[in-house]
Amino acid sequence: MPFLFALIATLNVNHTPHHWHMSCERWQKRSQEIMVDENLPYSERIKIVYYLRTKVKGDCPVLS
């Protein structure tokens, strides 16, 4: 849970939600890293991955 709070604090301090984006490749990599992080509850991992997906413009397939 501390990771989630740190992520939210960093996003709020350094970025406004409407002014930053990430590449599809970066999102895919981060999504995989987040989903295997056992320090976060599964439901929180899903929320973070979905939130970050909103920062990718255009099509971006989910890697399995």
PDB file of N, CA and C in Angstrom:
ATOM      1  N   MET A   1       0.800  -1.197   0.000  1.00  0.00           N
ATOM      2  CA  MET A   1       0.000   0.000   0.000  1.00  0.00           C
ATOM      3  C   MET A   1       0.849   1.270   0.000  1.00  0.00           C
ATOM      4  N   PRO A   2       2.027   1.271   0.669  1.00  0.00           N
ATOM      5  CA  PRO A   2       2.851   2.485   0.624  1.00  0.00           C
ATOM      6  C   PRO A   2       3.237   2.868  -0.802  1.00  0.00           C
ATOM      7  N   PHE A   3       3.456   1.880  -1.673  1.00  0.00           N
ATOM      8  CA  PHE A   3       3.799   2.177  -3.059  1.00  0.00           C
ATOM      9  C   PHE A   3       2.686   2.960  -3.728  1.00  0.00           C
ATOM     10  N   LEU A   4       1.451   2.556  -3.484  1.00  0.00           N
ATOM     11  CA  LEU A   4       0.309   3.239  -4.091  1.00  0.00           C
ATOM     12  C   LEU A   4       0.248   4.696  -3.648  1.00  0.00           C
ATOM     13  N   PHE A   5       0.432   4.940  -2.362  1.00  0.00           N
ATOM     14  CA  PHE A   5       0.407   6.310  -1.866  1.00  0.00           C
ATOM     15  C   PHE A   5       1.555   7.126  -2.450  1.00  0.00           C
ATOM     16  N   ALA A   6       2.728   6.518  -2.567  1.00  0.00           N
ATOM     17  CA  ALA A   6       3.870   7.209  -3.159  1.00  0.00           C
ATOM     18  C   ALA A   6       3.600   7.535  -4.618  1.00  0.00           C
ATOM     19  N   LEU A   7       2.996   6.602  -5.350  1.00  0.00           N
ATOM     20  CA  LEU A   7       2.669   6.830  -6.755  1.00  0.00           C
ATOM     21  C   LEU A   7       1.696   7.996  -6.900  1.00  0.00           C
ATOM     22  N   ILE A   8       0.656   7.986  -6.108  1.00  0.00           N
ATOM     23  CA  ILE A   8      -0.345   9.055  -6.185  1.00  0.00           C
ATOM     24  C   ILE A   8       0.269  10.396  -5.800  1.00  0.00           C
ATOM     25  N   ALA A   9       1.071  10.416  -4.753  1.00  0.00           N
ATOM     26  CA  ALA A   9       1.704  11.667  -4.324  1.00  0.00           C
ATOM     27  C   ALA A   9       2.625  12.201  -5.413  1.00  0.00           C
ATOM     28  N   THR A  10       3.385  11.322  -6.030  1.00  0.00           N
ATOM     29  CA  THR A  10       4.293  11.740  -7.097  1.00  0.00           C
ATOM     30  C   THR A  10       3.521  12.295  -8.279  1.00  0.00           C
ATOM     31  N   LEU A  11       2.454  11.644  -8.657  1.00  0.00           N
ATOM     32  CA  LEU A  11       1.658  12.115  -9.781  1.00  0.00           C
ATOM     33  C   LEU A  11       1.033  13.462  -9.482  1.00  0.00           C
ATOM     34  N   ASN A  12       0.559  13.641  -8.270  1.00  0.00           N
ATOM     35  CA  ASN A  12      -0.082  14.904  -7.913  1.00  0.00           C
ATOM     36  C   ASN A  12       0.903  16.053  -7.812  1.00  0.00           C
ATOM     37  N   VAL A  13       2.113  15.793  -7.380  1.00  0.00           N
ATOM     38  CA  VAL A  13       3.097  16.849  -7.203  1.00  0.00           C
ATOM     39  C   VAL A  13       3.772  17.206  -8.524  1.00  0.00           C
ATOM     40  N   ASN A  14       4.134  16.203  -9.300  1.00  0.00           N
ATOM     41  CA  ASN A  14       4.953  16.435 -10.482  1.00  0.00           C
ATOM     42  C   ASN A  14       4.174  16.593 -11.780  1.00  0.00           C
ATOM     43  N   HIS A  15       2.952  16.178 -11.808  1.00  0.00           N
ATOM     44  CA  HIS A  15       2.199  16.194 -13.053  1.00  0.00           C
ATOM     45  C   HIS A  15       0.752  16.567 -12.787  1.00  0.00           C
ATOM     46  N   THR A  16       0.172  17.187 -13.759  1.00  0.00           N
ATOM     47  CA  THR A  16      -1.270  17.297 -13.715  1.00  0.00           C
ATOM     48  C   THR A  16      -1.791  16.164 -14.582  1.00  0.00           C
ATOM     49  N   PRO A  17      -2.866  15.518 -14.214  1.00  0.00           N
ATOM     50  CA  PRO A  17      -3.304  14.311 -14.903  1.00  0.00           C
ATOM     51  C   PRO A  17      -3.544  14.471 -16.394  1.00  0.00           C
ATOM     52  N   HIS A  18      -3.811  15.666 -16.853  1.00  0.00           N
ATOM     53  CA  HIS A  18      -4.164  15.846 -18.253  1.00  0.00           C
ATOM     54  C   HIS A  18      -2.974  16.171 -19.141  1.00  0.00           C
ATOM     55  N   HIS A  19      -1.786  16.306 -18.568  1.00  0.00           N
ATOM     56  CA  HIS A  19      -0.668  16.825 -19.345  1.00  0.00           C
ATOM     57  C   HIS A  19       0.498  15.864 -19.505  1.00  0.00           C
ATOM     58  N   TRP A  20       0.319  14.610 -19.231  1.00  0.00           N
ATOM     59  CA  TRP A  20       1.410  13.683 -19.453  1.00  0.00           C
ATOM     60  C   TRP A  20       0.869  12.404 -20.071  1.00  0.00           C
ATOM     61  N   HIS A  21       1.743  11.742 -20.796  1.00  0.00           N
ATOM     62  CA  HIS A  21       1.385  10.507 -21.496  1.00  0.00           C
ATOM     63  C   HIS A  21       2.551   9.542 -21.397  1.00  0.00           C
ATOM     64  N   MET A  22       2.280   8.303 -21.689  1.00  0.00           N
ATOM     65  CA  MET A  22       3.346   7.313 -21.760  1.00  0.00           C
ATOM     66  C   MET A  22       3.166   6.509 -23.035  1.00  0.00           C
ATOM     67  N   SER A  23       4.268   5.957 -23.510  1.00  0.00           N
ATOM     68  CA  SER A  23       4.204   5.172 -24.739  1.00  0.00           C
ATOM     69  C   SER A  23       3.558   3.818 -24.464  1.00  0.00           C
ATOM     70  N   CYS A  24       3.072   3.198 -25.515  1.00  0.00           N
ATOM     71  CA  CYS A  24       2.479   1.871 -25.385  1.00  0.00           C
ATOM     72  C   CYS A  24       3.506   0.888 -24.826  1.00  0.00           C
ATOM     73  N   GLU A  25       4.713   0.944 -25.339  1.00  0.00           N
ATOM     74  CA  GLU A  25       5.756   0.024 -24.892  1.00  0.00           C
ATOM     75  C   GLU A  25       6.056   0.195 -23.404  1.00  0.00           C
ATOM     76  N   ARG A  26       6.118   1.442 -22.967  1.00  0.00           N
ATOM     77  CA  ARG A  26       6.380   1.717 -21.545  1.00  0.00           C
ATOM     78  C   ARG A  26       5.221   1.214 -20.686  1.00  0.00           C
ATOM     79  N   TRP A  27       4.004   1.433 -21.133  1.00  0.00           N
ATOM     80  CA  TRP A  27       2.840   0.955 -20.383  1.00  0.00           C
ATOM     81  C   TRP A  27       2.853  -0.571 -20.285  1.00  0.00           C
ATOM     82  N   GLN A  28       3.152  -1.247 -21.377  1.00  0.00           N
ATOM     83  CA  GLN A  28       3.192  -2.703 -21.361  1.00  0.00           C
ATOM     84  C   GLN A  28       4.226  -3.209 -20.359  1.00  0.00           C
ATOM     85  N   LYS A  29       5.405  -2.590 -20.371  1.00  0.00           N
ATOM     86  CA  LYS A  29       6.475  -2.998 -19.451  1.00  0.00           C
ATOM     87  C   LYS A  29       6.073  -2.745 -18.004  1.00  0.00           C
ATOM     88  N   ARG A  30       5.583  -1.546 -17.728  1.00  0.00           N
ATOM     89  CA  ARG A  30       5.178  -1.211 -16.350  1.00  0.00           C
ATOM     90  C   ARG A  30       4.011  -2.063 -15.884  1.00  0.00           C
ATOM     91  N   SER A  31       3.078  -2.363 -16.767  1.00  0.00           N
ATOM     92  CA  SER A  31       1.938  -3.205 -16.407  1.00  0.00           C
ATOM     93  C   SER A  31       2.400  -4.575 -15.955  1.00  0.00           C
ATOM     94  N   GLN A  32       3.338  -5.146 -16.690  1.00  0.00           N
ATOM     95  CA  GLN A  32       3.863  -6.460 -16.310  1.00  0.00           C
ATOM     96  C   GLN A  32       4.568  -6.396 -14.959  1.00  0.00           C
ATOM     97  N   GLU A  33       5.348  -5.340 -14.734  1.00  0.00           N
ATOM     98  CA  GLU A  33       6.051  -5.190 -13.459  1.00  0.00           C
ATOM     99  C   GLU A  33       5.060  -5.035 -12.303  1.00  0.00           C
ATOM    100  N   ILE A  34       4.053  -4.234 -12.516  1.00  0.00           N
ATOM    101  CA  ILE A  34       3.052  -3.998 -11.471  1.00  0.00           C
ATOM    102  C   ILE A  34       2.291  -5.281 -11.155  1.00  0.00           C
ATOM    103  N   MET A  35       1.916  -6.028 -12.172  1.00  0.00           N
ATOM    104  CA  MET A  35       1.089  -7.225 -11.957  1.00  0.00           C
ATOM    105  C   MET A  35       1.827  -8.339 -11.214  1.00  0.00           C
ATOM    106  N   VAL A  36       3.139  -8.336 -11.211  1.00  0.00           N
ATOM    107  CA  VAL A  36       3.873  -9.372 -10.465  1.00  0.00           C
ATOM    108  C   VAL A  36       4.338  -8.875  -9.096  1.00  0.00           C
ATOM    109  N   ASP A  37       4.033  -7.637  -8.754  1.00  0.00           N
ATOM    110  CA  ASP A  37       4.434  -7.065  -7.468  1.00  0.00           C
ATOM    111  C   ASP A  37       3.510  -7.589  -6.367  1.00  0.00           C
ATOM    112  N   GLU A  38       3.999  -8.539  -5.615  1.00  0.00           N
ATOM    113  CA  GLU A  38       3.174  -9.161  -4.572  1.00  0.00           C
ATOM    114  C   GLU A  38       3.041  -8.288  -3.328  1.00  0.00           C
ATOM    115  N   ASN A  39       3.694  -7.139  -3.301  1.00  0.00           N
ATOM    116  CA  ASN A  39       3.551  -6.207  -2.180  1.00  0.00           C
ATOM    117  C   ASN A  39       2.255  -5.411  -2.271  1.00  0.00           C
ATOM    118  N   LEU A  40       1.619  -5.463  -3.428  1.00  0.00           N
ATOM    119  CA  LEU A  40       0.351  -4.763  -3.634  1.00  0.00           C
ATOM    120  C   LEU A  40      -0.786  -5.766  -3.726  1.00  0.00           C
ATOM    121  N   PRO A  41      -1.923  -5.452  -3.144  1.00  0.00           N
ATOM    122  CA  PRO A  41      -3.087  -6.316  -3.334  1.00  0.00           C
ATOM    123  C   PRO A  41      -3.474  -6.345  -4.820  1.00  0.00           C
ATOM    124  N   TYR A  42      -4.003  -7.469  -5.238  1.00  0.00           N
ATOM    125  CA  TYR A  42      -4.357  -7.647  -6.647  1.00  0.00           C
ATOM    126  C   TYR A  42      -5.275  -6.529  -7.147  1.00  0.00           C
ATOM    127  N   SER A  43      -6.264  -6.159  -6.363  1.00  0.00           N
ATOM    128  CA  SER A  43      -7.208  -5.120  -6.803  1.00  0.00           C
ATOM    129  C   SER A  43      -6.503  -3.781  -7.032  1.00  0.00           C
ATOM    130  N   GLU A  44      -5.489  -3.461  -6.226  1.00  0.00           N
ATOM    131  CA  GLU A  44      -4.740  -2.216  -6.403  1.00  0.00           C
ATOM    132  C   GLU A  44      -3.870  -2.282  -7.656  1.00  0.00           C
ATOM    133  N   ARG A  45      -3.304  -3.435  -7.924  1.00  0.00           N
ATOM    134  CA  ARG A  45      -2.500  -3.600  -9.141  1.00  0.00           C
ATOM    135  C   ARG A  45      -3.352  -3.315 -10.372  1.00  0.00           C
ATOM    136  N   ILE A  46      -4.557  -3.861 -10.383  1.00  0.00           N
ATOM    137  CA  ILE A  46      -5.467  -3.657 -11.515  1.00  0.00           C
ATOM    138  C   ILE A  46      -5.802  -2.178 -11.671  1.00  0.00           C
ATOM    139  N   LYS A  47      -6.092  -1.508 -10.564  1.00  0.00           N
ATOM    140  CA  LYS A  47      -6.427  -0.078 -10.629  1.00  0.00           C
ATOM    141  C   LYS A  47      -5.284   0.744 -11.200  1.00  0.00           C
ATOM    142  N   ILE A  48      -4.058   0.455 -10.771  1.00  0.00           N
ATOM    143  CA  ILE A  48      -2.902   1.206 -11.266  1.00  0.00           C
ATOM    144  C   ILE A  48      -2.702   0.962 -12.749  1.00  0.00           C
ATOM    145  N   VAL A  49      -2.800  -0.293 -13.167  1.00  0.00           N
ATOM    146  CA  VAL A  49      -2.612  -0.634 -14.580  1.00  0.00           C
ATOM    147  C   VAL A  49      -3.674   0.060 -15.437  1.00  0.00           C
ATOM    148  N   TYR A  50      -4.921   0.028 -15.003  1.00  0.00           N
ATOM    149  CA  TYR A  50      -5.980   0.701 -15.761  1.00  0.00           C
ATOM    150  C   TYR A  50      -5.770   2.210 -15.801  1.00  0.00           C
ATOM    151  N   TYR A  51      -5.353   2.785 -14.691  1.00  0.00           N
ATOM    152  CA  TYR A  51      -5.099   4.228 -14.674  1.00  0.00           C
ATOM    153  C   TYR A  51      -3.986   4.585 -15.659  1.00  0.00           C
ATOM    154  N   LEU A  52      -2.887   3.853 -15.597  1.00  0.00           N
ATOM    155  CA  LEU A  52      -1.772   4.152 -16.495  1.00  0.00           C
ATOM    156  C   LEU A  52      -2.176   3.967 -17.951  1.00  0.00           C
ATOM    157  N   ARG A  53      -3.087   3.033 -18.219  1.00  0.00           N
ATOM    158  CA  ARG A  53      -3.538   2.829 -19.603  1.00  0.00           C
ATOM    159  C   ARG A  53      -4.232   4.076 -20.139  1.00  0.00           C
ATOM    160  N   THR A  54      -4.854   4.852 -19.267  1.00  0.00           N
ATOM    161  CA  THR A  54      -5.512   6.079 -19.723  1.00  0.00           C
ATOM    162  C   THR A  54      -4.496   7.112 -20.191  1.00  0.00           C
ATOM    163  N   LYS A  55      -3.236   6.914 -19.889  1.00  0.00           N
ATOM    164  CA  LYS A  55      -2.178   7.844 -20.265  1.00  0.00           C
ATOM    165  C   LYS A  55      -1.517   7.468 -21.587  1.00  0.00           C
ATOM    166  N   VAL A  56      -1.990   6.383 -22.208  1.00  0.00           N
ATOM    167  CA  VAL A  56      -1.459   5.942 -23.499  1.00  0.00           C
ATOM    168  C   VAL A  56      -2.447   6.355 -24.578  1.00  0.00           C
ATOM    169  N   LYS A  57      -1.942   7.023 -25.602  1.00  0.00           N
ATOM    170  CA  LYS A  57      -2.809   7.427 -26.702  1.00  0.00           C
ATOM    171  C   LYS A  57      -2.841   6.315 -27.747  1.00  0.00           C
ATOM    172  N   GLY A  58      -4.038   6.048 -28.270  1.00  0.00           N
ATOM    173  CA  GLY A  58      -4.183   5.086 -29.360  1.00  0.00           C
ATOM    174  C   GLY A  58      -4.271   3.644 -28.892  1.00  0.00           C
ATOM    175  N   ASP A  59      -4.203   2.750 -29.877  1.00  0.00           N
ATOM    176  CA  ASP A  59      -4.288   1.325 -29.594  1.00  0.00           C
ATOM    177  C   ASP A  59      -3.025   0.845 -28.901  1.00  0.00           C
ATOM    178  N   CYS A  60      -3.220  -0.076 -27.991  1.00  0.00           N
ATOM    179  CA  CYS A  60      -2.089  -0.662 -27.276  1.00  0.00           C
ATOM    180  C   CYS A  60      -2.525  -1.997 -26.713  1.00  0.00           C
ATOM    181  N   PRO A  61      -2.117  -3.085 -27.344  1.00  0.00           N
ATOM    182  CA  PRO A  61      -2.580  -4.381 -26.895  1.00  0.00           C
ATOM    183  C   PRO A  61      -1.991  -4.771 -25.537  1.00  0.00           C
ATOM    184  N   VAL A  62      -2.747  -5.550 -24.807  1.00  0.00           N
ATOM    185  CA  VAL A  62      -2.283  -6.092 -23.529  1.00  0.00           C
ATOM    186  C   VAL A  62      -1.421  -7.312 -23.831  1.00  0.00           C
ATOM    187  N   LEU A  63      -0.242  -7.347 -23.259  1.00  0.00           N
ATOM    188  CA  LEU A  63       0.622  -8.507 -23.451  1.00  0.00           C
ATOM    189  C   LEU A  63       0.227  -9.595 -22.453  1.00  0.00           C
ATOM    190  N   SER A  64       0.286 -10.848 -22.888  1.00  0.00           N
ATOM    191  CA  SER A  64      -0.056 -11.923 -21.950  1.00  0.00           C
ATOM    192  C   SER A  64       1.174 -12.608 -21.438  1.00  0.00           C
TER     193      SER A  64
END
